[in-house]
Amino acid sequence: MNIYVGNIPKSTDEQTIRDLFEEYGSVSEVKLLRDRYTGELRGFGFVTMESDDEAQNAIDNINNTDLGGRTLVVNKARPRTERPNRGGYGNRNNNQRSW
């Protein structure tokens, strides 16, 4: 199961999150997202656990707990959805001019 972990302190590393979740079962992957320009943690990430039962147990026990002075938000990750193009020139698929 893929688990969303939010409100992570910027000083946290992937090993700390792995250790936290491994108390509840086998962790196959930890991915903390970073800002592409500064390299700083963006404050959230994802943990993949092998067993759905272990993952749910981790969610139930870690959600709303304190890590580095911040209250973690932990829940089942939602599937990624396509986001619309937010470019500054409107819809590039329909470039017809009105004049």
N, C-alpha and C. Protein backbone atom coordinates (compact mmCIF):
# COMPACT_ATOMS: atom_id res chain seq x y z
N MET A 1 0.84 -1.17 0.00
CA MET A 1 0.00 0.00 0.00
C MET A 1 0.89 1.24 0.00
N ASN A 2 0.47 2.24 -0.73
CA ASN A 2 1.19 3.50 -0.78
C ASN A 2 0.56 4.46 0.23
N ILE A 3 1.40 5.04 1.07
CA ILE A 3 0.95 5.88 2.18
C ILE A 3 1.47 7.31 2.01
N TYR A 4 0.59 8.28 2.16
CA TYR A 4 0.97 9.70 2.13
C TYR A 4 1.39 10.11 3.54
N VAL A 5 2.50 10.83 3.64
CA VAL A 5 2.97 11.35 4.93
C VAL A 5 3.19 12.85 4.75
N GLY A 6 2.44 13.65 5.47
CA GLY A 6 2.53 15.10 5.34
C GLY A 6 2.95 15.78 6.62
N ASN A 7 3.30 17.05 6.49
CA ASN A 7 3.74 17.91 7.59
C ASN A 7 5.06 17.42 8.19
N ILE A 8 5.93 16.92 7.32
CA ILE A 8 7.23 16.40 7.75
C ILE A 8 8.19 17.57 7.97
N PRO A 9 8.90 17.60 9.09
CA PRO A 9 9.90 18.66 9.30
C PRO A 9 10.97 18.63 8.22
N LYS A 10 11.44 19.80 7.82
CA LYS A 10 12.45 19.89 6.75
C LYS A 10 13.78 19.28 7.15
N SER A 11 14.01 19.07 8.43
CA SER A 11 15.27 18.48 8.88
C SER A 11 15.25 16.95 8.86
N THR A 12 14.12 16.36 8.50
CA THR A 12 13.97 14.90 8.51
C THR A 12 14.60 14.29 7.27
N ASP A 13 15.11 13.07 7.41
CA ASP A 13 15.63 12.35 6.25
C ASP A 13 14.83 11.07 6.02
N GLU A 14 15.08 10.41 4.89
CA GLU A 14 14.32 9.21 4.53
C GLU A 14 14.52 8.08 5.54
N GLN A 15 15.72 7.97 6.11
CA GLN A 15 15.98 6.90 7.07
C GLN A 15 15.13 7.06 8.33
N THR A 16 14.93 8.29 8.78
CA THR A 16 14.09 8.54 9.95
C THR A 16 12.66 8.08 9.70
N ILE A 17 12.13 8.41 8.52
CA ILE A 17 10.77 7.99 8.18
C ILE A 17 10.70 6.47 8.04
N ARG A 18 11.70 5.88 7.41
CA ARG A 18 11.75 4.41 7.26
C ARG A 18 11.74 3.74 8.64
N ASP A 19 12.58 4.22 9.55
CA ASP A 19 12.64 3.64 10.90
C ASP A 19 11.29 3.76 11.60
N LEU A 20 10.62 4.89 11.44
CA LEU A 20 9.32 5.11 12.08
C LEU A 20 8.29 4.09 11.59
N PHE A 21 8.24 3.87 10.28
CA PHE A 21 7.24 2.96 9.71
C PHE A 21 7.62 1.49 9.88
N GLU A 22 8.91 1.18 9.94
CA GLU A 22 9.32 -0.21 10.09
C GLU A 22 8.95 -0.80 11.44
N GLU A 23 8.57 0.05 12.39
CA GLU A 23 8.06 -0.46 13.67
C GLU A 23 6.76 -1.22 13.47
N TYR A 24 6.09 -0.99 12.32
CA TYR A 24 4.78 -1.60 12.07
C TYR A 24 4.80 -2.61 10.94
N GLY A 25 5.94 -2.80 10.27
CA GLY A 25 6.01 -3.79 9.21
C GLY A 25 7.11 -3.49 8.21
N SER A 26 7.09 -4.25 7.13
CA SER A 26 8.12 -4.17 6.10
C SER A 26 7.88 -2.97 5.18
N VAL A 27 8.90 -2.12 5.04
CA VAL A 27 8.83 -0.94 4.18
C VAL A 27 9.66 -1.22 2.93
N SER A 28 9.04 -1.07 1.76
CA SER A 28 9.79 -1.32 0.52
C SER A 28 10.36 -0.04 -0.08
N GLU A 29 9.73 1.12 0.19
CA GLU A 29 10.25 2.36 -0.38
C GLU A 29 9.81 3.57 0.45
N VAL A 30 10.71 4.55 0.56
CA VAL A 30 10.40 5.84 1.18
C VAL A 30 10.84 6.91 0.18
N LYS A 31 9.94 7.82 -0.15
CA LYS A 31 10.28 8.89 -1.09
C LYS A 31 9.80 10.21 -0.50
N LEU A 32 10.76 11.06 -0.13
CA LEU A 32 10.44 12.40 0.35
C LEU A 32 10.66 13.37 -0.79
N LEU A 33 9.69 14.20 -1.08
CA LEU A 33 9.80 15.11 -2.21
C LEU A 33 10.57 16.36 -1.83
N ARG A 34 11.39 16.81 -2.78
CA ARG A 34 12.24 17.98 -2.57
C ARG A 34 11.93 19.05 -3.61
N ASP A 35 12.16 20.29 -3.23
CA ASP A 35 12.03 21.41 -4.15
C ASP A 35 13.10 21.27 -5.23
N ARG A 36 12.72 21.40 -6.48
CA ARG A 36 13.68 21.18 -7.56
C ARG A 36 14.74 22.27 -7.66
N TYR A 37 14.48 23.44 -7.10
CA TYR A 37 15.45 24.53 -7.17
C TYR A 37 16.35 24.62 -5.95
N THR A 38 15.77 24.44 -4.76
CA THR A 38 16.55 24.61 -3.54
C THR A 38 17.04 23.28 -2.96
N GLY A 39 16.39 22.18 -3.31
CA GLY A 39 16.75 20.89 -2.76
C GLY A 39 16.18 20.64 -1.37
N GLU A 40 15.45 21.61 -0.81
CA GLU A 40 14.84 21.43 0.51
C GLU A 40 13.65 20.49 0.42
N LEU A 41 13.38 19.80 1.52
CA LEU A 41 12.19 18.96 1.58
C LEU A 41 10.95 19.84 1.43
N ARG A 42 9.96 19.31 0.73
CA ARG A 42 8.72 20.04 0.53
C ARG A 42 7.73 19.79 1.66
N GLY A 43 8.08 18.92 2.60
CA GLY A 43 7.23 18.70 3.76
C GLY A 43 6.29 17.51 3.63
N PHE A 44 6.41 16.75 2.55
CA PHE A 44 5.58 15.55 2.43
C PHE A 44 6.33 14.50 1.62
N GLY A 45 5.79 13.28 1.68
CA GLY A 45 6.40 12.19 0.95
C GLY A 45 5.50 10.97 0.96
N PHE A 46 6.05 9.86 0.51
CA PHE A 46 5.27 8.63 0.40
C PHE A 46 6.08 7.45 0.92
N VAL A 47 5.39 6.53 1.56
CA VAL A 47 5.98 5.30 2.07
C VAL A 47 5.19 4.15 1.45
N THR A 48 5.91 3.16 0.92
CA THR A 48 5.25 1.97 0.38
C THR A 48 5.55 0.81 1.31
N MET A 49 4.47 0.15 1.75
CA MET A 49 4.59 -1.01 2.63
C MET A 49 4.03 -2.23 1.91
N GLU A 50 4.64 -3.39 2.16
CA GLU A 50 4.28 -4.62 1.48
C GLU A 50 2.86 -5.09 1.82
N SER A 51 2.51 -5.08 3.09
CA SER A 51 1.23 -5.62 3.55
C SER A 51 0.23 -4.49 3.82
N ASP A 52 -0.99 -4.66 3.29
CA ASP A 52 -2.03 -3.67 3.54
C ASP A 52 -2.39 -3.59 5.02
N ASP A 53 -2.39 -4.74 5.70
CA ASP A 53 -2.71 -4.75 7.13
C ASP A 53 -1.66 -3.99 7.94
N GLU A 54 -0.38 -4.23 7.62
CA GLU A 54 0.69 -3.51 8.31
C GLU A 54 0.63 -2.02 8.00
N ALA A 55 0.32 -1.69 6.74
CA ALA A 55 0.22 -0.29 6.35
C ALA A 55 -0.90 0.41 7.10
N GLN A 56 -2.06 -0.24 7.21
CA GLN A 56 -3.18 0.37 7.93
C GLN A 56 -2.85 0.53 9.41
N ASN A 57 -2.15 -0.44 9.98
CA ASN A 57 -1.73 -0.34 11.37
C ASN A 57 -0.78 0.85 11.56
N ALA A 58 0.15 1.03 10.61
CA ALA A 58 1.08 2.17 10.67
C ALA A 58 0.32 3.49 10.57
N ILE A 59 -0.63 3.56 9.65
CA ILE A 59 -1.44 4.78 9.49
C ILE A 59 -2.16 5.09 10.80
N ASP A 60 -2.81 4.09 11.36
CA ASP A 60 -3.59 4.28 12.60
C ASP A 60 -2.72 4.75 13.75
N ASN A 61 -1.47 4.26 13.81
CA ASN A 61 -0.61 4.57 14.95
C ASN A 61 0.27 5.81 14.77
N ILE A 62 0.59 6.17 13.53
CA ILE A 62 1.50 7.29 13.30
C ILE A 62 0.76 8.60 13.03
N ASN A 63 -0.44 8.53 12.44
CA ASN A 63 -1.20 9.74 12.15
C ASN A 63 -1.42 10.57 13.42
N ASN A 64 -1.21 11.87 13.31
CA ASN A 64 -1.39 12.83 14.42
C ASN A 64 -0.36 12.66 15.54
N THR A 65 0.79 12.02 15.25
CA THR A 65 1.85 11.96 16.23
C THR A 65 2.88 13.04 15.94
N ASP A 66 3.71 13.33 16.92
CA ASP A 66 4.70 14.40 16.80
C ASP A 66 6.02 13.86 16.26
N LEU A 67 6.59 14.60 15.29
CA LEU A 67 7.93 14.31 14.80
C LEU A 67 8.64 15.65 14.62
N GLY A 68 9.66 15.88 15.41
CA GLY A 68 10.42 17.12 15.30
C GLY A 68 9.60 18.37 15.55
N GLY A 69 8.60 18.26 16.42
CA GLY A 69 7.78 19.43 16.73
C GLY A 69 6.62 19.65 15.78
N ARG A 70 6.40 18.73 14.84
CA ARG A 70 5.30 18.87 13.89
C ARG A 70 4.39 17.66 13.99
N THR A 71 3.10 17.87 13.82
CA THR A 71 2.12 16.79 13.87
C THR A 71 1.98 16.18 12.49
N LEU A 72 2.35 14.90 12.37
CA LEU A 72 2.30 14.22 11.08
C LEU A 72 0.87 13.95 10.63
N VAL A 73 0.66 14.06 9.33
CA VAL A 73 -0.60 13.68 8.70
C VAL A 73 -0.30 12.45 7.86
N VAL A 74 -0.92 11.32 8.21
CA VAL A 74 -0.62 10.05 7.54
C VAL A 74 -1.93 9.41 7.12
N ASN A 75 -2.04 9.09 5.82
CA ASN A 75 -3.22 8.39 5.32
C ASN A 75 -2.89 7.64 4.04
N LYS A 76 -3.83 6.85 3.59
CA LYS A 76 -3.65 6.11 2.35
C LYS A 76 -3.53 7.11 1.21
N ALA A 77 -2.51 6.92 0.37
CA ALA A 77 -2.28 7.85 -0.74
C ALA A 77 -3.38 7.68 -1.78
N ARG A 78 -3.84 8.80 -2.32
CA ARG A 78 -4.81 8.76 -3.40
C ARG A 78 -4.07 8.59 -4.72
N PRO A 79 -4.71 8.01 -5.71
CA PRO A 79 -4.06 7.87 -7.02
C PRO A 79 -3.75 9.25 -7.61
N ARG A 80 -2.66 9.33 -8.32
CA ARG A 80 -2.25 10.59 -8.93
C ARG A 80 -3.19 10.92 -10.08
N THR A 81 -3.61 12.17 -10.17
CA THR A 81 -4.50 12.59 -11.24
C THR A 81 -3.79 13.60 -12.13
N GLU A 82 -4.21 13.67 -13.37
CA GLU A 82 -3.65 14.64 -14.30
C GLU A 82 -4.11 16.04 -13.90
N ARG A 83 -3.17 16.96 -13.89
CA ARG A 83 -3.50 18.35 -13.59
C ARG A 83 -3.52 19.12 -14.90
N PRO A 84 -4.42 20.09 -15.00
CA PRO A 84 -4.47 20.87 -16.24
C PRO A 84 -3.20 21.70 -16.41
N ASN A 85 -2.89 22.02 -17.65
CA ASN A 85 -1.74 22.87 -17.96
C ASN A 85 -1.98 24.25 -17.37
N ARG A 86 -1.03 24.70 -16.55
CA ARG A 86 -1.19 26.00 -15.91
C ARG A 86 -0.25 27.03 -16.53
N GLY A 87 0.03 26.87 -17.80
CA GLY A 87 0.91 27.80 -18.49
C GLY A 87 0.28 29.18 -18.62
N GLY A 88 1.07 30.17 -18.88
CA GLY A 88 0.59 31.54 -18.93
C GLY A 88 -0.07 31.94 -20.23
N TYR A 89 -0.19 31.04 -21.19
CA TYR A 89 -0.73 31.41 -22.49
C TYR A 89 -2.04 30.72 -22.81
N GLY A 90 -2.76 30.27 -21.81
CA GLY A 90 -4.07 29.67 -22.04
C GLY A 90 -3.97 28.29 -22.64
N ASN A 91 -4.98 27.93 -23.39
CA ASN A 91 -5.08 26.60 -23.97
C ASN A 91 -4.23 26.52 -25.24
N ARG A 92 -3.15 25.80 -25.19
CA ARG A 92 -2.26 25.69 -26.35
C ARG A 92 -2.80 24.70 -27.38
N ASN A 93 -3.81 23.93 -27.02
CA ASN A 93 -4.38 22.97 -27.96
C ASN A 93 -5.35 23.63 -28.93
N ASN A 94 -5.76 24.83 -28.65
CA ASN A 94 -6.71 25.54 -29.50
C ASN A 94 -6.18 26.94 -29.72
N ASN A 95 -5.22 27.07 -30.59
CA ASN A 95 -4.53 28.35 -30.78
C ASN A 95 -5.15 29.21 -31.89
N GLN A 96 -6.44 29.11 -32.11
CA GLN A 96 -7.07 29.92 -33.12
C GLN A 96 -7.24 31.35 -32.62
N ARG A 97 -6.94 32.28 -33.47
CA ARG A 97 -7.08 33.68 -33.11
C ARG A 97 -8.50 34.14 -33.39
N SER A 98 -8.94 35.13 -32.63
CA SER A 98 -10.31 35.60 -32.78
C SER A 98 -10.44 36.78 -33.72
N TRP A 99 -9.34 37.27 -34.30
CA TRP A 99 -9.47 38.42 -35.22
C TRP A 99 -9.23 38.04 -36.62
